[in-house]
PDB file of all heavy atoms in Angstrom:
ATOM      1  N   ASN A   1       0.818  -1.216   0.000  1.00  0.00           N
ATOM      2  CA  ASN A   1       0.000   0.000   0.000  1.00  0.00           C
ATOM      3  C   ASN A   1       0.852   1.265   0.000  1.00  0.00           C
ATOM      4  O   ASN A   1       0.490   2.271  -0.613  1.00  0.00           O
ATOM      5  CB  ASN A   1      -0.938   0.009   1.214  1.00  0.00           C
ATOM      6  CG  ASN A   1      -2.049  -1.027   1.098  1.00  0.00           C
ATOM      7  OD1 ASN A   1      -2.406  -1.430  -0.001  1.00  0.00           O
ATOM      8  ND2 ASN A   1      -2.586  -1.456   2.229  1.00  0.00           N
ATOM      9  N   ILE A   2       2.001   1.199   0.673  1.00  0.00           N
ATOM     10  CA  ILE A   2       2.873   2.378   0.730  1.00  0.00           C
ATOM     11  C   ILE A   2       3.784   2.449  -0.491  1.00  0.00           C
ATOM     12  O   ILE A   2       3.960   3.502  -1.097  1.00  0.00           O
ATOM     13  CB  ILE A   2       3.736   2.356   2.012  1.00  0.00           C
ATOM     14  CG1 ILE A   2       2.852   2.572   3.234  1.00  0.00           C
ATOM     15  CG2 ILE A   2       4.800   3.451   1.969  1.00  0.00           C
ATOM     16  CD1 ILE A   2       3.599   2.498   4.541  1.00  0.00           C
ATOM     17  N   GLY A   3       4.391   1.296  -0.833  1.00  0.00           N
ATOM     18  CA  GLY A   3       5.397   1.287  -1.898  1.00  0.00           C
ATOM     19  C   GLY A   3       4.821   1.102  -3.289  1.00  0.00           C
ATOM     20  O   GLY A   3       5.090   1.877  -4.204  1.00  0.00           O
ATOM     21  N   GLY A   4       4.035   0.033  -3.442  1.00  0.00           N
ATOM     22  CA  GLY A   4       3.432  -0.230  -4.753  1.00  0.00           C
ATOM     23  C   GLY A   4       4.409  -0.655  -5.827  1.00  0.00           C
ATOM     24  O   GLY A   4       4.060  -0.685  -7.012  1.00  0.00           O
ATOM     25  N   SER A   5       5.636  -1.013  -5.439  1.00  0.00           N
ATOM     26  CA  SER A   5       6.647  -1.396  -6.428  1.00  0.00           C
ATOM     27  C   SER A   5       6.432  -2.832  -6.898  1.00  0.00           C
ATOM     28  O   SER A   5       5.671  -3.602  -6.287  1.00  0.00           O
ATOM     29  CB  SER A   5       8.049  -1.272  -5.827  1.00  0.00           C
ATOM     30  OG  SER A   5       8.221  -2.234  -4.799  1.00  0.00           O
ATOM     31  N   VAL A   6       7.114  -3.196  -7.973  1.00  0.00           N
ATOM     32  CA  VAL A   6       7.057  -4.581  -8.463  1.00  0.00           C
ATOM     33  C   VAL A   6       7.539  -5.533  -7.372  1.00  0.00           C
ATOM     34  O   VAL A   6       6.964  -6.606  -7.171  1.00  0.00           O
ATOM     35  CB  VAL A   6       7.926  -4.738  -9.737  1.00  0.00           C
ATOM     36  CG1 VAL A   6       8.031  -6.213 -10.126  1.00  0.00           C
ATOM     37  CG2 VAL A   6       7.334  -3.934 -10.884  1.00  0.00           C
ATOM     38  N   ASN A   7       8.579  -5.130  -6.652  1.00  0.00           N
ATOM     39  CA  ASN A   7       9.109  -5.974  -5.576  1.00  0.00           C
ATOM     40  C   ASN A   7       8.053  -6.230  -4.501  1.00  0.00           C
ATOM     41  O   ASN A   7       7.918  -7.348  -4.004  1.00  0.00           O
ATOM     42  CB  ASN A   7      10.337  -5.317  -4.951  1.00  0.00           C
ATOM     43  CG  ASN A   7      10.975  -6.173  -3.874  1.00  0.00           C
ATOM     44  OD1 ASN A   7      11.241  -7.351  -4.074  1.00  0.00           O
ATOM     45  ND2 ASN A   7      11.205  -5.580  -2.719  1.00  0.00           N
ATOM     46  N   CYS A   8       7.291  -5.207  -4.143  1.00  0.00           N
ATOM     47  CA  CYS A   8       6.235  -5.367  -3.134  1.00  0.00           C
ATOM     48  C   CYS A   8       5.170  -6.345  -3.618  1.00  0.00           C
ATOM     49  O   CYS A   8       4.710  -7.207  -2.862  1.00  0.00           O
ATOM     50  CB  CYS A   8       5.602  -4.020  -2.812  1.00  0.00           C
ATOM     51  SG  CYS A   8       6.667  -2.897  -1.887  1.00  0.00           S
ATOM     52  N   PHE A   9       4.770  -6.203  -4.867  1.00  0.00           N
ATOM     53  CA  PHE A   9       3.794  -7.136  -5.442  1.00  0.00           C
ATOM     54  C   PHE A   9       4.350  -8.559  -5.446  1.00  0.00           C
ATOM     55  O   PHE A   9       3.651  -9.520  -5.108  1.00  0.00           O
ATOM     56  CB  PHE A   9       3.423  -6.715  -6.863  1.00  0.00           C
ATOM     57  CG  PHE A   9       2.363  -5.654  -6.942  1.00  0.00           C
ATOM     58  CD1 PHE A   9       2.684  -4.355  -7.297  1.00  0.00           C
ATOM     59  CD2 PHE A   9       1.036  -5.957  -6.670  1.00  0.00           C
ATOM     60  CE1 PHE A   9       1.704  -3.369  -7.375  1.00  0.00           C
ATOM     61  CE2 PHE A   9       0.045  -4.982  -6.749  1.00  0.00           C
ATOM     62  CZ  PHE A   9       0.376  -3.677  -7.099  1.00  0.00           C
ATOM     63  N   ASP A  10       5.631  -8.692  -5.826  1.00  0.00           N
ATOM     64  CA  ASP A  10       6.249 -10.022  -5.894  1.00  0.00           C
ATOM     65  C   ASP A  10       6.301 -10.699  -4.528  1.00  0.00           C
ATOM     66  O   ASP A  10       6.070 -11.907  -4.411  1.00  0.00           O
ATOM     67  CB  ASP A  10       7.669  -9.925  -6.473  1.00  0.00           C
ATOM     68  CG  ASP A  10       7.682  -9.706  -7.975  1.00  0.00           C
ATOM     69  OD1 ASP A  10       6.626  -9.903  -8.610  1.00  0.00           O
ATOM     70  OD2 ASP A  10       8.745  -9.349  -8.512  1.00  0.00           O
ATOM     71  N   LYS A  11       6.622  -9.923  -3.497  1.00  0.00           N
ATOM     72  CA  LYS A  11       6.690 -10.497  -2.147  1.00  0.00           C
ATOM     73  C   LYS A  11       5.333 -11.057  -1.726  1.00  0.00           C
ATOM     74  O   LYS A  11       5.247 -12.157  -1.154  1.00  0.00           O
ATOM     75  CB  LYS A  11       7.149  -9.440  -1.134  1.00  0.00           C
ATOM     76  CG  LYS A  11       8.571  -8.945  -1.311  1.00  0.00           C
ATOM     77  CD  LYS A  11       9.594 -10.014  -0.955  1.00  0.00           C
ATOM     78  CE  LYS A  11      11.009  -9.441  -0.999  1.00  0.00           C
ATOM     79  NZ  LYS A  11      12.031 -10.466  -0.706  1.00  0.00           N
ATOM     80  N   LEU A  12       4.256 -10.310  -2.018  1.00  0.00           N
ATOM     81  CA  LEU A  12       2.919 -10.774  -1.645  1.00  0.00           C
ATOM     82  C   LEU A  12       2.500 -11.969  -2.491  1.00  0.00           C
ATOM     83  O   LEU A  12       1.910 -12.927  -1.983  1.00  0.00           O
ATOM     84  CB  LEU A  12       1.912  -9.634  -1.776  1.00  0.00           C
ATOM     85  CG  LEU A  12       0.487  -9.926  -1.279  1.00  0.00           C
ATOM     86  CD1 LEU A  12       0.493 -10.378   0.180  1.00  0.00           C
ATOM     87  CD2 LEU A  12      -0.407  -8.698  -1.468  1.00  0.00           C
ATOM     88  N   THR A  13       2.839 -11.939  -3.774  1.00  0.00           N
ATOM     89  CA  THR A  13       2.535 -13.073  -4.651  1.00  0.00           C
ATOM     90  C   THR A  13       3.230 -14.335  -4.174  1.00  0.00           C
ATOM     91  O   THR A  13       2.620 -15.405  -4.069  1.00  0.00           O
ATOM     92  CB  THR A  13       2.969 -12.775  -6.103  1.00  0.00           C
ATOM     93  OG1 THR A  13       2.212 -11.670  -6.612  1.00  0.00           O
ATOM     94  CG2 THR A  13       2.735 -13.979  -7.000  1.00  0.00           C
ATOM     95  N   ASN A  14       4.525 -14.222  -3.878  1.00  0.00           N
ATOM     96  CA  ASN A  14       5.284 -15.385  -3.402  1.00  0.00           C
ATOM     97  C   ASN A  14       4.716 -15.916  -2.093  1.00  0.00           C
ATOM     98  O   ASN A  14       4.668 -17.133  -1.870  1.00  0.00           O
ATOM     99  CB  ASN A  14       6.763 -15.009  -3.217  1.00  0.00           C
ATOM    100  CG  ASN A  14       7.457 -14.733  -4.529  1.00  0.00           C
ATOM    101  OD1 ASN A  14       7.028 -15.201  -5.580  1.00  0.00           O
ATOM    102  ND2 ASN A  14       8.522 -13.963  -4.498  1.00  0.00           N
ATOM    103  N   PHE A  15       4.272 -14.992  -1.235  1.00  0.00           N
ATOM    104  CA  PHE A  15       3.660 -15.404   0.031  1.00  0.00           C
ATOM    105  C   PHE A  15       2.407 -16.232  -0.236  1.00  0.00           C
ATOM    106  O   PHE A  15       2.219 -17.308   0.363  1.00  0.00           O
ATOM    107  CB  PHE A  15       3.321 -14.174   0.871  1.00  0.00           C
ATOM    108  CG  PHE A  15       2.411 -14.474   2.038  1.00  0.00           C
ATOM    109  CD1 PHE A  15       2.898 -15.108   3.174  1.00  0.00           C
ATOM    110  CD2 PHE A  15       1.062 -14.134   1.987  1.00  0.00           C
ATOM    111  CE1 PHE A  15       2.055 -15.402   4.246  1.00  0.00           C
ATOM    112  CE2 PHE A  15       0.218 -14.424   3.054  1.00  0.00           C
ATOM    113  CZ  PHE A  15       0.713 -15.059   4.176  1.00  0.00           C
ATOM    114  N   TYR A  16       1.553 -15.748  -1.137  1.00  0.00           N
ATOM    115  CA  TYR A  16       0.322 -16.484  -1.440  1.00  0.00           C
ATOM    116  C   TYR A  16       0.627 -17.862  -2.032  1.00  0.00           C
ATOM    117  O   TYR A  16      -0.044 -18.846  -1.720  1.00  0.00           O
ATOM    118  CB  TYR A  16      -0.558 -15.678  -2.393  1.00  0.00           C
ATOM    119  CG  TYR A  16      -1.266 -14.509  -1.738  1.00  0.00           C
ATOM    120  CD1 TYR A  16      -1.362 -13.280  -2.388  1.00  0.00           C
ATOM    121  CD2 TYR A  16      -1.847 -14.638  -0.480  1.00  0.00           C
ATOM    122  CE1 TYR A  16      -2.020 -12.204  -1.798  1.00  0.00           C
ATOM    123  CE2 TYR A  16      -2.493 -13.563   0.122  1.00  0.00           C
ATOM    124  CZ  TYR A  16      -2.575 -12.349  -0.540  1.00  0.00           C
ATOM    125  OH  TYR A  16      -3.230 -11.293   0.056  1.00  0.00           O
ATOM    126  N   GLU A  17       1.636 -17.919  -2.892  1.00  0.00           N
ATOM    127  CA  GLU A  17       2.005 -19.224  -3.459  1.00  0.00           C
ATOM    128  C   GLU A  17       2.520 -20.156  -2.363  1.00  0.00           C
ATOM    129  O   GLU A  17       2.182 -21.346  -2.335  1.00  0.00           O
ATOM    130  CB  GLU A  17       3.055 -19.044  -4.553  1.00  0.00           C
ATOM    131  CG  GLU A  17       2.496 -18.451  -5.842  1.00  0.00           C
ATOM    132  CD  GLU A  17       3.425 -18.651  -7.013  1.00  0.00           C
ATOM    133  OE1 GLU A  17       3.609 -19.813  -7.442  1.00  0.00           O
ATOM    134  OE2 GLU A  17       3.996 -17.647  -7.499  1.00  0.00           O
ATOM    135  N   ASN A  18       3.344 -19.628  -1.473  1.00  0.00           N
ATOM    136  CA  ASN A  18       3.866 -20.447  -0.366  1.00  0.00           C
ATOM    137  C   ASN A  18       2.745 -20.936   0.550  1.00  0.00           C
ATOM    138  O   ASN A  18       2.863 -22.004   1.166  1.00  0.00           O
ATOM    139  CB  ASN A  18       4.884 -19.653   0.446  1.00  0.00           C
ATOM    140  CG  ASN A  18       6.167 -19.383  -0.320  1.00  0.00           C
ATOM    141  OD1 ASN A  18       6.495 -20.103  -1.257  1.00  0.00           O
ATOM    142  ND2 ASN A  18       6.882 -18.343   0.070  1.00  0.00           N
ATOM    143  N   GLN A  19       1.679 -20.151   0.622  1.00  0.00           N
ATOM    144  CA  GLN A  19       0.538 -20.515   1.467  1.00  0.00           C
ATOM    145  C   GLN A  19      -0.501 -21.352   0.706  1.00  0.00           C
ATOM    146  O   GLN A  19      -1.578 -21.603   1.231  1.00  0.00           O
ATOM    147  CB  GLN A  19      -0.127 -19.245   2.014  1.00  0.00           C
ATOM    148  CG  GLN A  19       0.738 -18.435   2.957  1.00  0.00           C
ATOM    149  CD  GLN A  19       1.124 -19.200   4.211  1.00  0.00           C
ATOM    150  OE1 GLN A  19       0.277 -19.797   4.860  1.00  0.00           O
ATOM    151  NE2 GLN A  19       2.414 -19.200   4.531  1.00  0.00           N
ATOM    152  N   GLN A  20      -0.142 -21.755  -0.510  1.00  0.00           N
ATOM    153  CA  GLN A  20      -1.061 -22.554  -1.340  1.00  0.00           C
ATOM    154  C   GLN A  20      -2.381 -21.807  -1.571  1.00  0.00           C
ATOM    155  O   GLN A  20      -3.475 -22.368  -1.459  1.00  0.00           O
ATOM    156  CB  GLN A  20      -1.329 -23.914  -0.682  1.00  0.00           C
ATOM    157  CG  GLN A  20      -0.079 -24.728  -0.389  1.00  0.00           C
ATOM    158  CD  GLN A  20       0.660 -25.143  -1.659  1.00  0.00           C
ATOM    159  OE1 GLN A  20       0.076 -25.736  -2.563  1.00  0.00           O
ATOM    160  NE2 GLN A  20       1.942 -24.826  -1.735  1.00  0.00           N
ATOM    161  N   GLN A  21      -2.272 -20.533  -1.933  1.00  0.00           N
ATOM    162  CA  GLN A  21      -3.440 -19.707  -2.221  1.00  0.00           C
ATOM    163  C   GLN A  21      -3.305 -19.110  -3.627  1.00  0.00           C
ATOM    164  O   GLN A  21      -3.116 -17.905  -3.805  1.00  0.00           O
ATOM    165  CB  GLN A  21      -3.570 -18.585  -1.176  1.00  0.00           C
ATOM    166  CG  GLN A  21      -3.821 -19.097   0.239  1.00  0.00           C
ATOM    167  CD  GLN A  21      -3.891 -17.981   1.263  1.00  0.00           C
ATOM    168  OE1 GLN A  21      -3.051 -17.074   1.286  1.00  0.00           O
ATOM    169  NE2 GLN A  21      -4.885 -18.028   2.131  1.00  0.00           N
ATOM    170  N   PRO A  22      -3.406 -19.959  -4.639  1.00  0.00           N
ATOM    171  CA  PRO A  22      -3.142 -19.507  -6.013  1.00  0.00           C
ATOM    172  C   PRO A  22      -4.123 -18.457  -6.524  1.00  0.00           C
ATOM    173  O   PRO A  22      -3.749 -17.582  -7.314  1.00  0.00           O
ATOM    174  CB  PRO A  22      -3.231 -20.789  -6.833  1.00  0.00           C
ATOM    175  CG  PRO A  22      -4.059 -21.721  -6.007  1.00  0.00           C
ATOM    176  CD  PRO A  22      -3.722 -21.401  -4.595  1.00  0.00           C
ATOM    177  N   GLU A  23      -5.379 -18.517  -6.114  1.00  0.00           N
ATOM    178  CA  GLU A  23      -6.357 -17.538  -6.582  1.00  0.00           C
ATOM    179  C   GLU A  23      -5.955 -16.135  -6.131  1.00  0.00           C
ATOM    180  O   GLU A  23      -6.032 -15.169  -6.907  1.00  0.00           O
ATOM    181  CB  GLU A  23      -7.751 -17.884  -6.055  1.00  0.00           C
ATOM    182  CG  GLU A  23      -8.273 -19.255  -6.467  1.00  0.00           C
ATOM    183  CD  GLU A  23      -8.770 -19.282  -7.901  1.00  0.00           C
ATOM    184  OE1 GLU A  23      -8.762 -18.221  -8.552  1.00  0.00           O
ATOM    185  OE2 GLU A  23      -9.190 -20.369  -8.365  1.00  0.00           O
ATOM    186  N   LYS A  24      -5.526 -16.022  -4.886  1.00  0.00           N
ATOM    187  CA  LYS A  24      -5.061 -14.725  -4.376  1.00  0.00           C
ATOM    188  C   LYS A  24      -3.793 -14.291  -5.100  1.00  0.00           C
ATOM    189  O   LYS A  24      -3.598 -13.096  -5.369  1.00  0.00           O
ATOM    190  CB  LYS A  24      -4.806 -14.800  -2.870  1.00  0.00           C
ATOM    191  CG  LYS A  24      -6.054 -14.795  -2.014  1.00  0.00           C
ATOM    192  CD  LYS A  24      -5.682 -14.676  -0.530  1.00  0.00           C
ATOM    193  CE  LYS A  24      -6.898 -14.529   0.358  1.00  0.00           C
ATOM    194  NZ  LYS A  24      -6.532 -14.364   1.788  1.00  0.00           N
ATOM    195  N   ALA A  25      -2.925 -15.256  -5.403  1.00  0.00           N
ATOM    196  CA  ALA A  25      -1.682 -14.929  -6.107  1.00  0.00           C
ATOM    197  C   ALA A  25      -1.992 -14.343  -7.481  1.00  0.00           C
ATOM    198  O   ALA A  25      -1.428 -13.313  -7.882  1.00  0.00           O
ATOM    199  CB  ALA A  25      -0.810 -16.170  -6.237  1.00  0.00           C
TER     200      ALA A  25
END
């Protein structure tokens, strides 16, 4: 929400994948 960079998006995407939440990813 603060940064909005590609890196920030990637971190959240990787988190969702690690949590087995592909729809959110």
